[in-house]
Amino acid sequence: MALEIIDSCVNCSACEPLCPSKAIFAAKPHYLIDADKCNECAGEFDDPQCASICPVEGAILNSAGEEMNPPGSLTGIPPERWAAVQAEISAR
């Protein structure tokens, strides 16, 4: 059981100090999680602390490979609306 930080991480450093098991570390090009140390904050917090603070949608995956903060969860913008806005901006 371990979380994973993927390449959409922007190295904001918000997650590292919150990790109670010290499983998060700086690497290039983004932060990583040591799977041997990560317990997804089980027994310590209701939610994984890294995902609760992460400002980037989709940057942290759970042990099943699912996004902890899926598209639209932080911005409140549905993914289909975001795609339409991006297309409109690109068309200008």
N, C-alpha and C. Protein backbone atom coordinates (compact mmCIF):
# COMPACT_ATOMS: atom_id res chain seq x y z
N MET A 1 0.85 -1.17 0.00
CA MET A 1 0.00 0.00 0.00
C MET A 1 0.89 1.23 0.00
N ALA A 2 0.88 1.97 -1.09
CA ALA A 2 1.67 3.18 -1.19
C ALA A 2 1.10 4.09 -2.26
N LEU A 3 1.28 5.37 -2.07
CA LEU A 3 0.87 6.36 -3.05
C LEU A 3 2.03 6.61 -4.00
N GLU A 4 1.74 7.28 -5.09
CA GLU A 4 2.78 7.60 -6.08
C GLU A 4 2.58 9.02 -6.57
N ILE A 5 3.66 9.77 -6.65
CA ILE A 5 3.64 11.11 -7.23
C ILE A 5 4.14 10.96 -8.66
N ILE A 6 3.38 11.50 -9.61
CA ILE A 6 3.75 11.36 -11.02
C ILE A 6 4.28 12.67 -11.58
N ASP A 7 4.65 12.66 -12.86
CA ASP A 7 5.37 13.78 -13.44
C ASP A 7 4.58 15.07 -13.58
N SER A 8 3.29 15.08 -13.27
CA SER A 8 2.57 16.35 -13.29
C SER A 8 2.84 17.17 -12.02
N CYS A 9 3.56 16.60 -11.08
CA CYS A 9 4.00 17.30 -9.87
C CYS A 9 4.83 18.52 -10.29
N VAL A 10 4.59 19.64 -9.62
CA VAL A 10 5.30 20.88 -9.97
C VAL A 10 6.38 21.26 -8.95
N ASN A 11 6.74 20.32 -8.07
CA ASN A 11 7.78 20.57 -7.06
C ASN A 11 7.47 21.76 -6.17
N CYS A 12 6.23 21.87 -5.73
CA CYS A 12 5.87 23.00 -4.88
C CYS A 12 6.31 22.81 -3.43
N SER A 13 6.69 21.60 -3.07
CA SER A 13 7.19 21.27 -1.73
C SER A 13 6.12 21.25 -0.64
N ALA A 14 4.86 21.35 -0.97
CA ALA A 14 3.79 21.38 0.04
C ALA A 14 3.64 20.04 0.75
N CYS A 15 3.83 18.96 0.04
CA CYS A 15 3.57 17.63 0.60
C CYS A 15 4.68 17.10 1.52
N GLU A 16 5.90 17.38 1.20
CA GLU A 16 7.03 16.78 1.92
C GLU A 16 6.98 16.98 3.44
N PRO A 17 6.77 18.20 3.94
CA PRO A 17 6.78 18.36 5.39
C PRO A 17 5.55 17.76 6.10
N LEU A 18 4.49 17.49 5.36
CA LEU A 18 3.27 16.93 5.97
C LEU A 18 3.30 15.43 6.11
N CYS A 19 4.19 14.75 5.43
CA CYS A 19 4.21 13.29 5.43
C CYS A 19 4.67 12.76 6.79
N PRO A 20 3.77 12.09 7.54
CA PRO A 20 4.15 11.62 8.87
C PRO A 20 5.18 10.49 8.85
N SER A 21 5.26 9.77 7.74
CA SER A 21 6.22 8.66 7.67
C SER A 21 7.51 9.04 6.95
N LYS A 22 7.62 10.31 6.58
CA LYS A 22 8.82 10.82 5.88
C LYS A 22 9.11 10.01 4.61
N ALA A 23 8.04 9.66 3.90
CA ALA A 23 8.18 8.85 2.69
C ALA A 23 8.40 9.70 1.44
N ILE A 24 8.15 10.99 1.52
CA ILE A 24 8.26 11.87 0.35
C ILE A 24 9.64 12.51 0.32
N PHE A 25 10.25 12.49 -0.86
CA PHE A 25 11.58 13.09 -0.99
C PHE A 25 11.72 13.78 -2.33
N ALA A 26 12.58 14.78 -2.36
CA ALA A 26 12.84 15.54 -3.59
C ALA A 26 13.70 14.72 -4.52
N ALA A 27 13.32 14.71 -5.76
CA ALA A 27 14.07 14.04 -6.82
C ALA A 27 13.85 14.84 -8.09
N LYS A 28 14.54 14.50 -9.11
CA LYS A 28 14.33 15.18 -10.39
C LYS A 28 13.57 14.25 -11.30
N PRO A 29 12.60 14.72 -12.01
CA PRO A 29 12.17 16.12 -12.13
C PRO A 29 11.06 16.50 -11.15
N HIS A 30 10.64 15.59 -10.26
CA HIS A 30 9.56 15.91 -9.33
C HIS A 30 9.74 15.10 -8.04
N TYR A 31 8.91 15.39 -7.05
CA TYR A 31 8.97 14.64 -5.79
C TYR A 31 8.56 13.19 -6.03
N LEU A 32 9.04 12.31 -5.16
CA LEU A 32 8.71 10.89 -5.23
C LEU A 32 8.31 10.40 -3.85
N ILE A 33 7.67 9.22 -3.81
CA ILE A 33 7.28 8.60 -2.55
C ILE A 33 7.98 7.26 -2.43
N ASP A 34 8.64 7.05 -1.30
CA ASP A 34 9.29 5.77 -1.02
C ASP A 34 8.19 4.78 -0.63
N ALA A 35 7.93 3.81 -1.50
CA ALA A 35 6.85 2.84 -1.29
C ALA A 35 7.05 2.01 -0.03
N ASP A 36 8.27 1.82 0.39
CA ASP A 36 8.54 1.05 1.61
C ASP A 36 8.16 1.81 2.88
N LYS A 37 8.11 3.14 2.79
CA LYS A 37 7.77 3.96 3.96
C LYS A 37 6.31 4.42 3.96
N CYS A 38 5.70 4.54 2.79
CA CYS A 38 4.35 5.08 2.68
C CYS A 38 3.30 4.08 3.16
N ASN A 39 2.47 4.53 4.08
CA ASN A 39 1.34 3.71 4.53
C ASN A 39 0.01 4.42 4.28
N GLU A 40 0.05 5.43 3.42
CA GLU A 40 -1.11 6.25 3.06
C GLU A 40 -1.74 6.91 4.29
N CYS A 41 -0.93 7.16 5.30
CA CYS A 41 -1.32 7.81 6.55
C CYS A 41 -2.33 6.98 7.35
N ALA A 42 -2.41 5.69 7.07
CA ALA A 42 -3.33 4.80 7.78
C ALA A 42 -3.05 4.82 9.28
N GLY A 43 -4.09 4.96 10.06
CA GLY A 43 -3.96 4.98 11.50
C GLY A 43 -3.54 6.32 12.07
N GLU A 44 -3.18 7.26 11.21
CA GLU A 44 -2.74 8.57 11.69
C GLU A 44 -3.70 9.68 11.27
N PHE A 45 -4.20 9.58 10.03
CA PHE A 45 -5.10 10.59 9.49
C PHE A 45 -6.19 9.90 8.67
N ASP A 46 -7.33 10.57 8.52
CA ASP A 46 -8.42 10.01 7.72
C ASP A 46 -8.07 9.99 6.24
N ASP A 47 -7.32 10.98 5.80
CA ASP A 47 -6.93 11.10 4.39
C ASP A 47 -5.42 11.24 4.29
N PRO A 48 -4.83 10.73 3.20
CA PRO A 48 -3.39 10.94 3.00
C PRO A 48 -3.07 12.44 2.97
N GLN A 49 -2.13 12.83 3.77
CA GLN A 49 -1.80 14.24 3.93
C GLN A 49 -1.24 14.86 2.65
N CYS A 50 -0.48 14.11 1.89
CA CYS A 50 0.09 14.67 0.66
C CYS A 50 -1.02 15.04 -0.33
N ALA A 51 -2.02 14.16 -0.47
CA ALA A 51 -3.13 14.43 -1.39
C ALA A 51 -4.00 15.56 -0.87
N SER A 52 -4.11 15.69 0.44
CA SER A 52 -4.96 16.75 0.99
C SER A 52 -4.39 18.14 0.77
N ILE A 53 -3.08 18.24 0.59
CA ILE A 53 -2.44 19.55 0.41
C ILE A 53 -2.03 19.81 -1.04
N CYS A 54 -1.95 18.78 -1.85
CA CYS A 54 -1.45 18.93 -3.23
C CYS A 54 -2.33 19.86 -4.05
N PRO A 55 -1.74 20.90 -4.66
CA PRO A 55 -2.52 21.84 -5.47
C PRO A 55 -2.66 21.43 -6.93
N VAL A 56 -2.14 20.26 -7.29
CA VAL A 56 -2.16 19.83 -8.69
C VAL A 56 -3.08 18.63 -8.86
N GLU A 57 -4.11 18.80 -9.66
CA GLU A 57 -5.02 17.70 -9.91
C GLU A 57 -4.30 16.57 -10.64
N GLY A 58 -4.49 15.35 -10.15
CA GLY A 58 -3.92 14.18 -10.81
C GLY A 58 -2.46 13.90 -10.55
N ALA A 59 -1.82 14.64 -9.67
CA ALA A 59 -0.38 14.45 -9.45
C ALA A 59 -0.06 13.30 -8.50
N ILE A 60 -1.04 12.85 -7.72
CA ILE A 60 -0.81 11.77 -6.76
C ILE A 60 -1.80 10.65 -7.04
N LEU A 61 -1.25 9.44 -7.19
CA LEU A 61 -2.08 8.26 -7.46
C LEU A 61 -2.14 7.39 -6.23
N ASN A 62 -3.30 6.73 -6.03
CA ASN A 62 -3.40 5.78 -4.92
C ASN A 62 -2.80 4.44 -5.34
N SER A 63 -2.85 3.45 -4.47
CA SER A 63 -2.21 2.16 -4.77
C SER A 63 -2.88 1.43 -5.92
N ALA A 64 -4.10 1.83 -6.29
CA ALA A 64 -4.79 1.24 -7.44
C ALA A 64 -4.51 2.01 -8.73
N GLY A 65 -3.68 3.05 -8.64
CA GLY A 65 -3.34 3.85 -9.81
C GLY A 65 -4.38 4.92 -10.14
N GLU A 66 -5.29 5.19 -9.21
CA GLU A 66 -6.33 6.20 -9.43
C GLU A 66 -5.87 7.54 -8.88
N GLU A 67 -6.26 8.62 -9.58
CA GLU A 67 -5.88 9.95 -9.15
C GLU A 67 -6.54 10.31 -7.83
N MET A 68 -5.76 10.77 -6.87
CA MET A 68 -6.30 11.17 -5.58
C MET A 68 -7.10 12.46 -5.70
N ASN A 69 -6.67 13.37 -6.54
CA ASN A 69 -7.37 14.62 -6.83
C ASN A 69 -7.66 14.64 -8.33
N PRO A 70 -8.75 13.97 -8.75
CA PRO A 70 -9.04 13.87 -10.18
C PRO A 70 -9.38 15.23 -10.80
N PRO A 71 -9.31 15.33 -12.11
CA PRO A 71 -9.63 16.59 -12.79
C PRO A 71 -10.98 17.14 -12.34
N GLY A 72 -10.97 18.42 -11.99
CA GLY A 72 -12.17 19.12 -11.55
C GLY A 72 -12.37 19.11 -10.04
N SER A 73 -11.66 18.24 -9.33
CA SER A 73 -11.87 18.13 -7.89
C SER A 73 -11.35 19.33 -7.11
N LEU A 74 -10.33 19.97 -7.60
CA LEU A 74 -9.77 21.12 -6.90
C LEU A 74 -10.26 22.44 -7.47
N THR A 75 -10.44 22.50 -8.77
CA THR A 75 -10.87 23.74 -9.41
C THR A 75 -12.38 23.90 -9.43
N GLY A 76 -13.10 22.78 -9.35
CA GLY A 76 -14.55 22.83 -9.48
C GLY A 76 -14.99 22.96 -10.92
N ILE A 77 -14.05 22.92 -11.84
CA ILE A 77 -14.37 23.01 -13.27
C ILE A 77 -14.46 21.60 -13.83
N PRO A 78 -15.62 21.20 -14.33
CA PRO A 78 -15.74 19.86 -14.92
C PRO A 78 -14.75 19.69 -16.08
N PRO A 79 -14.14 18.50 -16.20
CA PRO A 79 -13.14 18.29 -17.26
C PRO A 79 -13.63 18.65 -18.67
N GLU A 80 -14.90 18.37 -18.96
CA GLU A 80 -15.41 18.69 -20.31
C GLU A 80 -15.49 20.20 -20.52
N ARG A 81 -15.81 20.95 -19.49
CA ARG A 81 -15.84 22.41 -19.59
C ARG A 81 -14.43 22.95 -19.75
N TRP A 82 -13.48 22.39 -19.01
CA TRP A 82 -12.08 22.82 -19.11
C TRP A 82 -11.56 22.57 -20.53
N ALA A 83 -11.89 21.42 -21.11
CA ALA A 83 -11.45 21.11 -22.47
C ALA A 83 -12.04 22.11 -23.46
N ALA A 84 -13.29 22.48 -23.27
CA ALA A 84 -13.93 23.45 -24.16
C ALA A 84 -13.26 24.82 -24.05
N VAL A 85 -12.94 25.24 -22.84
CA VAL A 85 -12.26 26.52 -22.64
C VAL A 85 -10.87 26.52 -23.26
N GLN A 86 -10.14 25.41 -23.08
CA GLN A 86 -8.81 25.32 -23.69
C GLN A 86 -8.90 25.39 -25.22
N ALA A 87 -9.90 24.72 -25.80
CA ALA A 87 -10.08 24.75 -27.25
C ALA A 87 -10.41 26.17 -27.72
N GLU A 88 -11.24 26.86 -26.96
CA GLU A 88 -11.61 28.23 -27.31
C GLU A 88 -10.39 29.15 -27.26
N ILE A 89 -9.57 28.99 -26.23
CA ILE A 89 -8.36 29.81 -26.12
C ILE A 89 -7.39 29.51 -27.26
N SER A 90 -7.23 28.26 -27.60
CA SER A 90 -6.33 27.87 -28.69
C SER A 90 -6.79 28.40 -30.04
N ALA A 91 -8.09 28.54 -30.19
CA ALA A 91 -8.64 29.01 -31.47
C ALA A 91 -8.44 30.51 -31.69
N ARG A 92 -8.08 31.22 -30.67
CA ARG A 92 -7.90 32.69 -30.79
C ARG A 92 -6.67 33.05 -31.54
